[in-house]
């Protein structure tokens, strides 16, 4: 049963990466943004990318067992 729940985490990780990784390129190609605006938006996008990578790592390590409470918190944090 734990692998079933774990399997549903991967679409969340992939979707997050598909949405936020290109956003970083888009931010830096937008000439209307100031440097501070570009940095702020890059930090926001990076926070989602890093969260997705952490959840991917957690999901990979928990592929044959149930999530611990800390791992579940990481997944819920990304989903929120």
Protein backbone atom coordinates (compact mmCIF):
# COMPACT_ATOMS: atom_id res chain seq x y z
CA UNK A 1 0.00 0.00 0.00
CA UNK A 2 2.86 2.41 0.69
CA UNK A 3 4.15 2.11 -2.87
CA UNK A 4 0.74 3.14 -4.20
CA UNK A 5 0.84 6.40 -2.24
CA UNK A 6 4.47 6.88 -3.20
CA UNK A 7 3.59 6.42 -6.87
CA UNK A 8 1.17 9.35 -6.74
CA UNK A 9 3.92 11.69 -5.59
CA UNK A 10 5.84 11.46 -8.87
CA UNK A 11 3.27 13.34 -10.98
CA UNK A 12 3.43 16.19 -8.44
CA UNK A 13 7.23 16.28 -8.71
CA UNK A 14 7.22 16.17 -12.51
CA UNK A 15 4.49 18.80 -12.82
CA UNK A 16 6.33 21.13 -10.43
CA UNK A 17 9.54 20.82 -12.42
CA UNK A 18 7.76 21.27 -15.76
CA UNK A 19 6.12 24.46 -14.53
CA UNK A 20 8.92 26.12 -12.55
CA UNK A 21 12.17 25.27 -14.38
CA UNK A 22 11.17 27.11 -17.59
CA UNK A 23 9.96 30.00 -15.44
CA UNK A 24 13.57 30.76 -14.46
CA UNK A 25 14.56 31.18 -18.10
CA UNK A 26 11.48 33.29 -18.75
CA UNK A 27 12.29 35.61 -15.85
CA UNK A 28 15.79 36.33 -17.10
CA UNK A 29 14.63 36.91 -20.67
CA UNK A 30 12.03 39.51 -19.57
CA UNK A 31 13.58 42.92 -20.27
CA UNK A 32 10.78 44.74 -18.43
CA UNK A 33 11.87 43.37 -15.04
CA UNK A 34 14.50 45.05 -12.92
CA UNK A 35 17.40 42.98 -11.65
CA UNK A 36 15.80 42.91 -8.19
CA UNK A 37 12.56 41.66 -9.75
CA UNK A 38 14.43 38.99 -11.66
CA UNK A 39 16.30 37.84 -8.55
CA UNK A 40 13.12 37.73 -6.46
CA UNK A 41 11.21 35.73 -9.04
CA UNK A 42 14.18 33.41 -9.56
CA UNK A 43 14.34 32.74 -5.81
CA UNK A 44 10.64 31.92 -5.78
CA UNK A 45 10.96 29.52 -8.72
CA UNK A 46 14.10 27.99 -7.24
CA UNK A 47 12.29 27.30 -3.97
CA UNK A 48 9.74 25.20 -5.85
CA UNK A 49 12.40 23.38 -7.87
CA UNK A 50 14.42 22.55 -4.75
CA UNK A 51 11.26 21.40 -2.95
CA UNK A 52 10.40 19.12 -5.86
CA UNK A 53 13.90 17.64 -5.86
CA UNK A 54 13.72 17.03 -2.10
CA UNK A 55 10.37 15.29 -2.48
CA UNK A 56 11.75 13.22 -5.38
CA UNK A 57 14.64 12.10 -3.20
CA UNK A 58 12.30 11.31 -0.30
CA UNK A 59 9.97 9.38 -2.58
CA UNK A 60 12.86 7.42 -4.09
CA UNK A 61 14.20 6.41 -0.68
CA UNK A 62 10.72 5.46 0.57
CA UNK A 63 9.76 3.47 -2.51
CA UNK A 64 9.48 0.19 -0.60
CA UNK A 65 8.05 1.46 2.68
CA UNK A 66 5.58 3.95 4.08
CA UNK A 67 6.58 7.58 4.46
CA UNK A 68 7.81 8.69 7.86
CA UNK A 69 6.12 11.72 9.41
CA UNK A 70 9.01 13.97 8.33
CA UNK A 71 8.86 12.64 4.76
CA UNK A 72 5.10 13.05 4.70
CA UNK A 73 5.63 16.65 5.84
CA UNK A 74 7.97 17.30 2.90
CA UNK A 75 5.41 15.95 0.43
CA UNK A 76 2.58 17.92 2.00
CA UNK A 77 4.74 21.06 1.99
CA UNK A 78 5.25 20.80 -1.76
CA UNK A 79 1.60 19.99 -2.35
CA UNK A 80 0.50 22.99 -0.29
